[in-house]
Amino acid sequence: MAPSSPLRTGYLVLYNALSCVAWAVVLYRTVTSCLTVGYPYTYLEVGEWTRWTQTAACLEVLHSLFGIVRAPIATTVMQVMSRLLLVWGITYPFPFVTQAPFYASMLVAWSVTEVIRYSYFATSLAGLQPSFLTFLRYNTFFILYPLGIFSECSLIFITSKFLQGAEQYMLYAILAIYIPGSYTLYTYMMKQRSKVFGGAQNAKKTQ
């Protein structure tokens, strides 16, 4: 990773803070939509905002590629591309699938995850590290990852039923890729969790 500098740190704090706000908007509009008009209308309320918010996350691939952050390029690309598939390849051309509850549940999983993740990184880079954010960052994925993955796969599967031939088989192949892909992402977070909490426990023992 490139050496730390005020410019780099300032940029990353700003990027993470703005991303946190953008995903907080997704979460707020998703929840209010479900409570007021019902989940079938979630896409109409927040679909476009979510699409561009997720597209902006392509910057994270560049951050990893050029060493601006230490995130592994493989897992970063995997997560960004899978979400781009959902917002551009599934829900955008086939908006009717968003009337299923899985679209709203997917957005809840994504947005809660990202609000926690971006706020954690922004505060850490700013020299702060609230313990509650650390706890949320490395524990909520136990619930949010399965919820998000199940919702994504459900939307892909529903879409596949309206396709034929090569397009349908391509979606089946993508669903198959989700098995090793999900394992990779989940085990990566488990390792990160062990490093964070394992390091904290070792520090306490040496005191």
Protein backbone atom coordinates (compact mmCIF):
# COMPACT_ATOMS: atom_id res chain seq x y z
CA MET A 1 0.00 0.00 0.00
CA ALA A 2 1.19 3.53 -0.73
CA PRO A 3 2.64 5.40 2.26
CA SER A 4 0.15 7.31 4.34
CA SER A 5 -0.26 11.01 3.58
CA PRO A 6 -2.68 13.75 4.66
CA LEU A 7 -4.06 13.93 1.11
CA ARG A 8 -4.67 10.19 0.88
CA THR A 9 -6.18 10.03 4.36
CA GLY A 10 -8.38 13.04 3.72
CA TYR A 11 -9.62 11.58 0.46
CA LEU A 12 -10.47 8.23 2.06
CA VAL A 13 -12.24 9.87 5.00
CA LEU A 14 -14.33 11.92 2.57
CA TYR A 15 -15.04 8.92 0.32
CA ASN A 16 -16.13 6.73 3.22
CA ALA A 17 -18.21 9.48 4.83
CA LEU A 18 -20.07 10.25 1.59
CA SER A 19 -20.60 6.54 0.92
CA CYS A 20 -21.99 6.10 4.42
CA VAL A 21 -24.48 8.91 3.84
CA ALA A 22 -25.49 7.52 0.43
CA TRP A 23 -26.21 4.08 1.88
CA ALA A 24 -28.00 5.62 4.85
CA VAL A 25 -30.36 7.19 2.31
CA VAL A 26 -30.91 3.74 0.76
CA LEU A 27 -31.70 2.27 4.18
CA TYR A 28 -34.04 5.10 5.18
CA ARG A 29 -35.96 5.11 1.91
CA THR A 30 -36.21 1.31 1.86
CA VAL A 31 -37.58 1.10 5.38
CA THR A 32 -40.00 4.01 4.96
CA SER A 33 -41.20 2.60 1.64
CA CYS A 34 -41.89 -0.81 3.18
CA LEU A 35 -43.73 0.76 6.12
CA THR A 36 -45.83 3.21 4.11
CA VAL A 37 -46.63 1.73 0.69
CA GLY A 38 -45.26 -1.81 0.97
CA TYR A 39 -42.18 -3.65 -0.26
CA PRO A 40 -43.43 -4.10 -3.88
CA TYR A 41 -42.87 -0.35 -4.37
CA THR A 42 -39.35 -0.22 -2.94
CA TYR A 43 -37.74 -0.18 -6.38
CA LEU A 44 -39.77 2.85 -7.44
CA GLU A 45 -38.70 4.70 -4.31
CA VAL A 46 -35.01 3.89 -4.18
CA GLY A 47 -34.02 1.77 -7.19
CA GLU A 48 -32.22 4.46 -9.17
CA TRP A 49 -30.46 5.89 -6.13
CA THR A 50 -29.25 2.42 -5.17
CA ARG A 51 -28.07 1.71 -8.70
CA TRP A 52 -25.81 4.76 -8.84
CA THR A 53 -24.68 4.44 -5.23
CA GLN A 54 -23.50 0.90 -5.93
CA THR A 55 -21.93 1.94 -9.24
CA ALA A 56 -19.84 4.52 -7.37
CA ALA A 57 -18.37 1.62 -5.39
CA CYS A 58 -16.37 0.71 -8.51
CA LEU A 59 -13.86 3.19 -7.11
CA GLU A 60 -13.05 0.59 -4.47
CA VAL A 61 -11.66 -1.71 -7.13
CA LEU A 62 -9.31 1.09 -8.18
CA HIS A 63 -8.42 1.79 -4.55
CA SER A 64 -7.39 -1.83 -4.11
CA LEU A 65 -5.71 -2.11 -7.51
CA PHE A 66 -3.48 0.92 -6.99
CA GLY A 67 -2.70 0.16 -3.36
CA ILE A 68 -4.62 3.07 -1.88
CA VAL A 69 -6.18 0.60 0.57
CA ARG A 70 -5.11 -2.85 1.71
CA ALA A 71 -8.29 -4.66 0.67
CA PRO A 72 -7.54 -7.77 -1.45
CA ILE A 73 -8.38 -7.16 -5.09
CA ALA A 74 -10.06 -10.57 -5.60
CA THR A 75 -12.69 -10.22 -2.87
CA THR A 76 -13.25 -6.56 -3.73
CA VAL A 77 -13.91 -7.32 -7.40
CA MET A 78 -16.12 -10.28 -6.46
CA GLN A 79 -18.37 -8.24 -4.21
CA VAL A 80 -18.58 -5.18 -6.46
CA MET A 81 -19.27 -7.20 -9.62
CA SER A 82 -21.95 -9.36 -7.98
CA ARG A 83 -23.80 -6.26 -6.86
CA LEU A 84 -23.42 -4.58 -10.25
CA LEU A 85 -25.02 -7.68 -11.73
CA LEU A 86 -28.02 -7.20 -9.44
CA VAL A 87 -28.50 -3.47 -10.02
CA TRP A 88 -27.70 -3.36 -13.75
CA GLY A 89 -28.21 -6.92 -15.03
CA ILE A 90 -31.21 -8.08 -13.02
CA THR A 91 -33.36 -5.36 -11.47
CA TYR A 92 -32.80 -2.68 -14.13
CA PRO A 93 -33.86 -4.69 -17.22
CA PHE A 94 -36.36 -6.83 -15.25
CA PRO A 95 -37.92 -4.43 -12.71
CA PHE A 96 -40.89 -6.73 -12.12
CA VAL A 97 -38.68 -9.03 -10.01
CA THR A 98 -38.30 -6.22 -7.48
CA GLN A 99 -41.93 -6.71 -6.46
CA ALA A 100 -40.78 -9.82 -4.59
CA PRO A 101 -39.81 -9.22 -0.94
CA PHE A 102 -36.24 -10.27 -1.71
CA TYR A 103 -35.42 -6.91 -3.28
CA ALA A 104 -36.27 -5.01 -0.12
CA SER A 105 -34.48 -7.55 2.09
CA MET A 106 -31.42 -7.32 -0.17
CA LEU A 107 -31.33 -3.54 0.17
CA VAL A 108 -31.69 -3.76 3.94
CA ALA A 109 -28.77 -6.21 4.11
CA TRP A 110 -26.62 -4.12 1.77
CA SER A 111 -27.38 -0.75 3.32
CA VAL A 112 -26.97 -1.77 6.96
CA THR A 113 -23.70 -3.51 6.07
CA GLU A 114 -22.40 -0.47 4.21
CA VAL A 115 -23.46 2.14 6.75
CA ILE A 116 -21.55 0.19 9.38
CA ARG A 117 -18.54 -0.50 7.13
CA TYR A 118 -18.11 3.02 5.79
CA SER A 119 -18.66 4.70 9.16
CA TYR A 120 -16.13 2.30 10.69
CA PHE A 121 -13.50 3.12 8.08
CA ALA A 122 -14.20 6.87 8.14
CA THR A 123 -13.86 7.12 11.92
CA SER A 124 -10.79 4.85 11.99
CA LEU A 125 -9.03 6.94 9.35
CA ALA A 126 -9.94 10.09 11.27
CA GLY A 127 -8.15 8.71 14.32
CA LEU A 128 -11.25 7.49 16.10
CA GLN A 129 -12.37 3.93 16.63
CA PRO A 130 -15.61 3.61 18.59
CA SER A 131 -15.82 0.16 20.13
CA PHE A 132 -19.48 -0.25 19.18
CA LEU A 133 -18.62 0.24 15.49
CA THR A 134 -15.87 -2.34 15.75
CA PHE A 135 -18.33 -4.76 17.32
CA LEU A 136 -20.95 -4.13 14.63
CA ARG A 137 -18.43 -4.31 11.79
CA TYR A 138 -17.15 -7.74 12.78
CA ASN A 139 -20.32 -9.36 14.11
CA THR A 140 -23.33 -8.22 12.07
CA PHE A 141 -22.06 -9.99 8.95
CA PHE A 142 -23.10 -13.29 10.55
CA ILE A 143 -26.70 -12.26 9.85
CA LEU A 144 -26.42 -9.68 7.08
CA TYR A 145 -24.26 -11.72 4.69
CA PRO A 146 -26.61 -14.74 4.59
CA LEU A 147 -29.62 -12.41 4.26
CA GLY A 148 -28.01 -10.52 1.39
CA ILE A 149 -26.75 -13.61 -0.40
CA PHE A 150 -30.09 -15.41 -0.10
CA SER A 151 -31.94 -12.33 -1.38
CA GLU A 152 -29.54 -11.88 -4.31
CA CYS A 153 -29.78 -15.53 -5.33
CA SER A 154 -33.56 -15.45 -5.05
CA LEU A 155 -33.78 -12.47 -7.42
CA ILE A 156 -31.40 -14.11 -9.90
CA PHE A 157 -33.38 -17.36 -9.76
CA ILE A 158 -36.71 -15.58 -10.29
CA THR A 159 -35.25 -13.72 -13.27
CA SER A 160 -33.90 -16.94 -14.79
CA LYS A 161 -37.44 -18.31 -15.05
CA PHE A 162 -38.31 -15.59 -17.55
CA LEU A 163 -35.32 -16.31 -19.79
CA GLN A 164 -34.46 -19.11 -22.17
CA GLY A 165 -31.42 -20.70 -23.72
CA ALA A 166 -27.95 -19.26 -23.12
CA GLU A 167 -29.18 -16.38 -20.96
CA GLN A 168 -30.95 -18.72 -18.59
CA TYR A 169 -27.96 -21.05 -18.33
CA MET A 170 -25.70 -18.09 -17.70
CA LEU A 171 -27.75 -17.14 -14.65
CA TYR A 172 -27.65 -20.74 -13.45
CA ALA A 173 -23.86 -20.62 -13.79
CA ILE A 174 -23.75 -17.40 -11.78
CA LEU A 175 -25.83 -19.02 -9.05
CA ALA A 176 -23.34 -21.89 -8.97
CA ILE A 177 -20.48 -19.40 -8.63
CA TYR A 178 -22.21 -17.94 -5.59
CA ILE A 179 -21.32 -21.08 -3.62
CA PRO A 180 -17.52 -20.69 -3.65
CA GLY A 181 -17.84 -16.91 -3.84
CA SER A 182 -19.94 -16.69 -0.70
CA TYR A 183 -17.56 -19.02 1.10
CA THR A 184 -14.60 -16.84 0.12
CA LEU A 185 -16.23 -13.63 1.34
CA TYR A 186 -17.48 -15.22 4.54
CA THR A 187 -14.15 -16.79 5.46
CA TYR A 188 -12.37 -13.51 4.67
CA MET A 189 -14.57 -11.72 7.20
CA MET A 190 -14.01 -14.49 9.73
CA LYS A 191 -10.24 -14.06 9.37
CA GLN A 192 -10.55 -10.30 9.74
CA ARG A 193 -12.70 -10.78 12.82
CA SER A 194 -10.13 -13.12 14.36
CA LYS A 195 -7.36 -10.59 13.72
CA VAL A 196 -9.28 -7.74 15.32
CA PHE A 197 -10.65 -9.49 18.39
CA GLY A 198 -7.67 -11.83 18.72
CA GLY A 199 -5.35 -8.85 18.74
CA ALA A 200 -7.47 -7.07 21.32
CA GLN A 201 -7.42 -10.10 23.62
CA ASN A 202 -3.64 -10.45 23.30
CA ALA A 203 -3.22 -6.78 24.12
CA LYS A 204 -5.25 -7.21 27.31
CA LYS A 205 -3.12 -10.19 28.37
CA THR A 206 0.10 -8.19 28.07
CA GLN A 207 -1.21 -5.33 30.18
